[in-house]
Amino acid sequence: MGFFDRLVARDQELADTKYKGRESATARSARLRVKKHRARVARDGDKSGRPFRFFR
């Protein structure tokens, strides 16, 4: 188990030093997904062809 412990420790060390302050891949993909969704809603929001209804 020593080898795997060193891998985990190295990963944690890199996260604390080299990648500190950087945006994670998960955070980046979530941010871009929200950005694209908002752009799509702003572009196509009122063009659905269905009349807007408050209640079903």
Protein backbone atom coordinates (compact mmCIF):
# COMPACT_ATOMS: atom_id res chain seq x y z
CA MET A 1 0.00 0.00 0.00
CA GLY A 2 2.99 2.30 0.30
CA PHE A 3 3.06 3.01 -3.43
CA PHE A 4 -0.58 4.08 -3.51
CA ASP A 5 -0.11 6.19 -0.40
CA ARG A 6 2.74 8.04 -2.14
CA LEU A 7 0.55 8.61 -5.21
CA VAL A 8 -2.22 10.09 -3.10
CA ALA A 9 0.23 12.19 -1.12
CA ARG A 10 1.84 13.50 -4.32
CA ASP A 11 -1.57 14.34 -5.74
CA GLN A 12 -2.47 16.24 -2.59
CA GLU A 13 0.89 18.04 -2.66
CA LEU A 14 0.36 19.16 -6.26
CA ALA A 15 -3.15 20.32 -5.46
CA ASP A 16 -1.82 22.40 -2.57
CA THR A 17 1.10 23.92 -4.46
CA LYS A 18 1.13 23.79 -8.27
CA TYR A 19 -2.61 24.02 -8.89
CA LYS A 20 -3.54 26.33 -6.03
CA GLY A 21 -5.83 29.13 -7.17
CA ARG A 22 -6.62 27.48 -10.52
CA GLU A 23 -10.09 26.62 -11.67
CA SER A 24 -10.81 22.90 -11.61
CA ALA A 25 -11.99 21.09 -14.72
CA THR A 26 -15.33 20.40 -13.04
CA ALA A 27 -15.85 24.04 -12.12
CA ARG A 28 -14.85 25.15 -15.61
CA SER A 29 -17.27 22.79 -17.34
CA ALA A 30 -20.10 23.84 -15.01
CA ARG A 31 -19.35 27.53 -15.65
CA LEU A 32 -19.31 27.02 -19.42
CA ARG A 33 -22.51 24.94 -19.31
CA VAL A 34 -24.31 27.75 -17.45
CA LYS A 35 -22.90 30.36 -19.81
CA LYS A 36 -24.06 28.46 -22.91
CA HIS A 37 -27.48 27.82 -21.38
CA ARG A 38 -27.98 31.51 -20.59
CA ALA A 39 -26.91 32.51 -24.09
CA ARG A 40 -29.30 29.97 -25.62
CA VAL A 41 -32.19 31.15 -23.45
CA ALA A 42 -31.45 34.78 -24.28
CA ARG A 43 -31.32 33.95 -27.99
CA ASP A 44 -34.22 31.51 -28.29
CA GLY A 45 -36.22 32.17 -25.16
CA ASP A 46 -39.32 33.72 -26.71
CA LYS A 47 -39.29 31.74 -29.96
CA SER A 48 -40.68 28.47 -28.69
CA GLY A 49 -44.02 28.84 -30.46
CA ARG A 50 -45.98 28.08 -27.31
CA PRO A 51 -47.90 30.79 -25.55
CA PHE A 52 -46.61 31.58 -22.09
CA ARG A 53 -48.83 30.30 -19.27
CA PHE A 54 -48.46 30.92 -15.57
CA PHE A 55 -50.41 27.83 -14.54
CA ARG A 56 -51.12 24.54 -16.23
